[in-house]
Amino acid sequence: MTDMSDDERKIMQSHVAYWSDLLKRATAIVYGPVFDPEGGYGVGVVSVDSEEQLKQIIAADPANGLNEYEFYPMKAVFKKDDTQ
């Protein structure tokens, strides 16, 4: 995160714009960098209907190839709409 080349920085700016759009469309619930002392990485929580949809989101991410992705299913106990 701290030693990106100019090309990597441009890719990451496109990555942030891509995820910002997913947030506006309520596909992404939250996303952002994690400043782990062992090395930074990002985390995103998304709401999708299938694993295939998530794979499509990852495939279309401008940083795919620069970033590595792992994903795990999560059962939401409470969603924003449930607590209001």
N, C-alpha and C. Protein backbone atom coordinates (compact mmCIF):
# COMPACT_ATOMS: atom_id res chain seq x y z
N MET A 1 0.82 -1.20 0.00
CA MET A 1 0.00 0.00 0.00
C MET A 1 0.86 1.26 0.00
N THR A 2 2.01 1.18 0.60
CA THR A 2 2.84 2.38 0.75
C THR A 2 3.89 2.52 -0.35
N ASP A 3 4.08 1.48 -1.16
CA ASP A 3 5.13 1.55 -2.18
C ASP A 3 4.61 1.28 -3.59
N MET A 4 3.40 1.77 -3.88
CA MET A 4 2.80 1.56 -5.19
C MET A 4 3.51 2.36 -6.26
N SER A 5 3.60 1.77 -7.43
CA SER A 5 4.09 2.51 -8.59
C SER A 5 2.97 3.43 -9.08
N ASP A 6 3.28 4.32 -9.99
CA ASP A 6 2.24 5.21 -10.55
C ASP A 6 1.14 4.40 -11.24
N ASP A 7 1.53 3.35 -11.96
CA ASP A 7 0.54 2.51 -12.63
C ASP A 7 -0.35 1.79 -11.62
N GLU A 8 0.23 1.26 -10.55
CA GLU A 8 -0.55 0.59 -9.52
C GLU A 8 -1.49 1.58 -8.82
N ARG A 9 -1.03 2.79 -8.60
CA ARG A 9 -1.87 3.81 -7.96
C ARG A 9 -3.09 4.13 -8.84
N LYS A 10 -2.89 4.21 -10.14
CA LYS A 10 -4.01 4.47 -11.06
C LYS A 10 -5.01 3.31 -11.03
N ILE A 11 -4.50 2.09 -10.99
CA ILE A 11 -5.38 0.92 -10.91
C ILE A 11 -6.17 0.97 -9.61
N MET A 12 -5.51 1.29 -8.51
CA MET A 12 -6.19 1.32 -7.22
C MET A 12 -7.22 2.45 -7.16
N GLN A 13 -6.95 3.57 -7.83
CA GLN A 13 -7.95 4.64 -7.89
C GLN A 13 -9.18 4.16 -8.64
N SER A 14 -8.98 3.41 -9.71
CA SER A 14 -10.11 2.84 -10.45
C SER A 14 -10.84 1.80 -9.60
N HIS A 15 -10.09 1.06 -8.81
CA HIS A 15 -10.66 0.06 -7.89
C HIS A 15 -11.57 0.75 -6.87
N VAL A 16 -11.12 1.86 -6.31
CA VAL A 16 -11.94 2.60 -5.33
C VAL A 16 -13.19 3.14 -6.00
N ALA A 17 -13.07 3.66 -7.20
CA ALA A 17 -14.25 4.17 -7.92
C ALA A 17 -15.24 3.03 -8.20
N TYR A 18 -14.73 1.87 -8.57
CA TYR A 18 -15.57 0.70 -8.84
C TYR A 18 -16.34 0.31 -7.59
N TRP A 19 -15.64 0.23 -6.45
CA TRP A 19 -16.30 -0.15 -5.20
C TRP A 19 -17.23 0.95 -4.69
N SER A 20 -16.93 2.19 -4.97
CA SER A 20 -17.83 3.30 -4.60
C SER A 20 -19.15 3.16 -5.34
N ASP A 21 -19.08 2.75 -6.60
CA ASP A 21 -20.31 2.53 -7.38
C ASP A 21 -21.10 1.36 -6.80
N LEU A 22 -20.40 0.29 -6.42
CA LEU A 22 -21.10 -0.85 -5.80
C LEU A 22 -21.78 -0.42 -4.50
N LEU A 23 -21.15 0.48 -3.76
CA LEU A 23 -21.75 0.99 -2.52
C LEU A 23 -23.00 1.81 -2.83
N LYS A 24 -22.93 2.67 -3.84
CA LYS A 24 -24.08 3.49 -4.22
C LYS A 24 -25.26 2.62 -4.66
N ARG A 25 -24.97 1.48 -5.27
CA ARG A 25 -26.02 0.59 -5.74
C ARG A 25 -26.46 -0.40 -4.66
N ALA A 26 -25.89 -0.26 -3.45
CA ALA A 26 -26.21 -1.11 -2.30
C ALA A 26 -25.81 -2.57 -2.49
N THR A 27 -24.91 -2.83 -3.43
CA THR A 27 -24.33 -4.16 -3.55
C THR A 27 -23.24 -4.32 -2.51
N ALA A 28 -22.39 -3.30 -2.38
CA ALA A 28 -21.40 -3.28 -1.31
C ALA A 28 -22.05 -2.65 -0.08
N ILE A 29 -21.86 -3.27 1.06
CA ILE A 29 -22.39 -2.75 2.32
C ILE A 29 -21.35 -1.86 2.97
N VAL A 30 -20.10 -2.28 2.93
CA VAL A 30 -18.98 -1.52 3.46
C VAL A 30 -17.72 -2.05 2.79
N TYR A 31 -16.73 -1.19 2.61
CA TYR A 31 -15.45 -1.62 2.07
C TYR A 31 -14.38 -0.62 2.50
N GLY A 32 -13.15 -1.05 2.46
CA GLY A 32 -12.05 -0.14 2.75
C GLY A 32 -10.77 -0.86 3.12
N PRO A 33 -9.70 -0.07 3.26
CA PRO A 33 -8.40 -0.64 3.61
C PRO A 33 -8.32 -1.01 5.09
N VAL A 34 -7.53 -2.03 5.36
CA VAL A 34 -7.24 -2.46 6.72
C VAL A 34 -5.74 -2.23 6.93
N PHE A 35 -5.40 -1.45 7.93
CA PHE A 35 -4.01 -1.09 8.16
C PHE A 35 -3.37 -2.05 9.15
N ASP A 36 -3.18 -3.29 8.71
CA ASP A 36 -2.56 -4.34 9.52
C ASP A 36 -1.05 -4.06 9.57
N PRO A 37 -0.44 -4.06 10.76
CA PRO A 37 1.01 -3.85 10.85
C PRO A 37 1.82 -4.89 10.06
N GLU A 38 1.24 -6.06 9.83
CA GLU A 38 1.91 -7.11 9.06
C GLU A 38 1.85 -6.85 7.55
N GLY A 39 0.98 -5.94 7.14
CA GLY A 39 0.81 -5.62 5.72
C GLY A 39 -0.64 -5.29 5.44
N GLY A 40 -0.87 -4.22 4.72
CA GLY A 40 -2.22 -3.75 4.48
C GLY A 40 -2.97 -4.62 3.48
N TYR A 41 -4.27 -4.57 3.59
CA TYR A 41 -5.16 -5.26 2.66
C TYR A 41 -6.53 -4.59 2.76
N GLY A 42 -7.45 -4.99 1.91
CA GLY A 42 -8.79 -4.44 1.94
C GLY A 42 -9.82 -5.49 2.31
N VAL A 43 -10.94 -5.00 2.82
CA VAL A 43 -12.07 -5.87 3.15
C VAL A 43 -13.34 -5.24 2.58
N GLY A 44 -14.18 -6.08 2.06
CA GLY A 44 -15.49 -5.61 1.59
C GLY A 44 -16.56 -6.59 2.01
N VAL A 45 -17.71 -6.06 2.36
CA VAL A 45 -18.88 -6.87 2.66
C VAL A 45 -19.90 -6.53 1.59
N VAL A 46 -20.40 -7.57 0.92
CA VAL A 46 -21.34 -7.36 -0.17
C VAL A 46 -22.61 -8.16 0.06
N SER A 47 -23.66 -7.73 -0.58
CA SER A 47 -24.92 -8.44 -0.58
C SER A 47 -25.17 -8.93 -2.00
N VAL A 48 -25.08 -10.25 -2.19
CA VAL A 48 -25.27 -10.84 -3.51
C VAL A 48 -26.25 -12.01 -3.41
N ASP A 49 -26.78 -12.39 -4.54
CA ASP A 49 -27.73 -13.49 -4.59
C ASP A 49 -27.07 -14.84 -4.81
N SER A 50 -25.81 -14.82 -5.27
CA SER A 50 -25.14 -16.09 -5.56
C SER A 50 -23.63 -15.91 -5.54
N GLU A 51 -22.94 -17.02 -5.42
CA GLU A 51 -21.48 -17.00 -5.51
C GLU A 51 -21.05 -16.55 -6.90
N GLU A 52 -21.81 -16.93 -7.91
CA GLU A 52 -21.50 -16.53 -9.28
C GLU A 52 -21.53 -15.01 -9.42
N GLN A 53 -22.51 -14.36 -8.81
CA GLN A 53 -22.58 -12.90 -8.86
C GLN A 53 -21.34 -12.29 -8.21
N LEU A 54 -20.91 -12.84 -7.10
CA LEU A 54 -19.70 -12.34 -6.45
C LEU A 54 -18.47 -12.54 -7.34
N LYS A 55 -18.39 -13.69 -7.98
CA LYS A 55 -17.26 -13.94 -8.89
C LYS A 55 -17.25 -12.95 -10.05
N GLN A 56 -18.43 -12.55 -10.52
CA GLN A 56 -18.51 -11.55 -11.58
C GLN A 56 -18.04 -10.19 -11.09
N ILE A 57 -18.39 -9.84 -9.86
CA ILE A 57 -17.93 -8.57 -9.27
C ILE A 57 -16.41 -8.56 -9.20
N ILE A 58 -15.83 -9.66 -8.73
CA ILE A 58 -14.37 -9.76 -8.62
C ILE A 58 -13.73 -9.69 -10.00
N ALA A 59 -14.28 -10.41 -10.96
CA ALA A 59 -13.72 -10.43 -12.32
C ALA A 59 -13.72 -9.04 -12.95
N ALA A 60 -14.73 -8.23 -12.66
CA ALA A 60 -14.84 -6.90 -13.25
C ALA A 60 -14.05 -5.83 -12.50
N ASP A 61 -13.53 -6.16 -11.33
CA ASP A 61 -12.78 -5.18 -10.53
C ASP A 61 -11.51 -4.78 -11.27
N PRO A 62 -11.27 -3.48 -11.47
CA PRO A 62 -10.06 -3.05 -12.16
C PRO A 62 -8.75 -3.51 -11.51
N ALA A 63 -8.80 -3.83 -10.23
CA ALA A 63 -7.59 -4.28 -9.53
C ALA A 63 -7.45 -5.80 -9.54
N ASN A 64 -8.35 -6.51 -10.22
CA ASN A 64 -8.23 -7.95 -10.33
C ASN A 64 -6.95 -8.25 -11.11
N GLY A 65 -6.09 -9.05 -10.53
CA GLY A 65 -4.78 -9.31 -11.11
C GLY A 65 -3.69 -8.64 -10.29
N LEU A 66 -3.99 -7.47 -9.78
CA LEU A 66 -3.08 -6.78 -8.86
C LEU A 66 -3.35 -7.26 -7.44
N ASN A 67 -4.65 -7.36 -7.11
CA ASN A 67 -5.07 -7.84 -5.79
C ASN A 67 -5.34 -9.34 -5.84
N GLU A 68 -5.26 -9.98 -4.70
CA GLU A 68 -5.70 -11.36 -4.53
C GLU A 68 -7.01 -11.31 -3.75
N TYR A 69 -7.93 -12.19 -4.06
CA TYR A 69 -9.24 -12.18 -3.43
C TYR A 69 -9.52 -13.49 -2.72
N GLU A 70 -10.11 -13.39 -1.56
CA GLU A 70 -10.67 -14.53 -0.84
C GLU A 70 -12.09 -14.13 -0.47
N PHE A 71 -13.00 -15.08 -0.45
CA PHE A 71 -14.36 -14.75 -0.02
C PHE A 71 -14.94 -15.89 0.79
N TYR A 72 -15.80 -15.50 1.70
CA TYR A 72 -16.43 -16.43 2.62
C TYR A 72 -17.88 -16.02 2.82
N PRO A 73 -18.80 -16.97 2.82
CA PRO A 73 -20.20 -16.61 3.07
C PRO A 73 -20.40 -16.17 4.52
N MET A 74 -21.40 -15.34 4.70
CA MET A 74 -21.74 -14.85 6.04
C MET A 74 -23.25 -14.79 6.14
N LYS A 75 -23.77 -15.24 7.24
CA LYS A 75 -25.21 -15.13 7.51
C LYS A 75 -25.41 -13.88 8.34
N ALA A 76 -26.11 -12.90 7.80
CA ALA A 76 -26.37 -11.66 8.52
C ALA A 76 -27.46 -11.91 9.56
N VAL A 77 -27.17 -11.63 10.80
CA VAL A 77 -28.15 -11.76 11.87
C VAL A 77 -29.06 -10.53 11.85
N PHE A 78 -28.45 -9.38 11.67
CA PHE A 78 -29.20 -8.13 11.57
C PHE A 78 -28.72 -7.38 10.35
N LYS A 79 -29.64 -6.88 9.58
CA LYS A 79 -29.33 -5.99 8.48
C LYS A 79 -29.82 -4.62 8.86
N LYS A 80 -29.31 -3.60 8.21
CA LYS A 80 -29.66 -2.22 8.51
C LYS A 80 -31.18 -2.02 8.60
N ASP A 81 -31.91 -2.54 7.63
CA ASP A 81 -33.37 -2.37 7.61
C ASP A 81 -34.05 -3.05 8.78
N ASP A 82 -33.43 -4.09 9.33
CA ASP A 82 -34.02 -4.83 10.44
C ASP A 82 -33.95 -4.09 11.77
N THR A 83 -33.03 -3.15 11.90
CA THR A 83 -32.78 -2.49 13.20
C THR A 83 -33.43 -1.14 13.31
N GLN A 84 -34.13 -0.70 12.29
CA GLN A 84 -34.73 0.63 12.32
C GLN A 84 -36.16 0.59 12.83
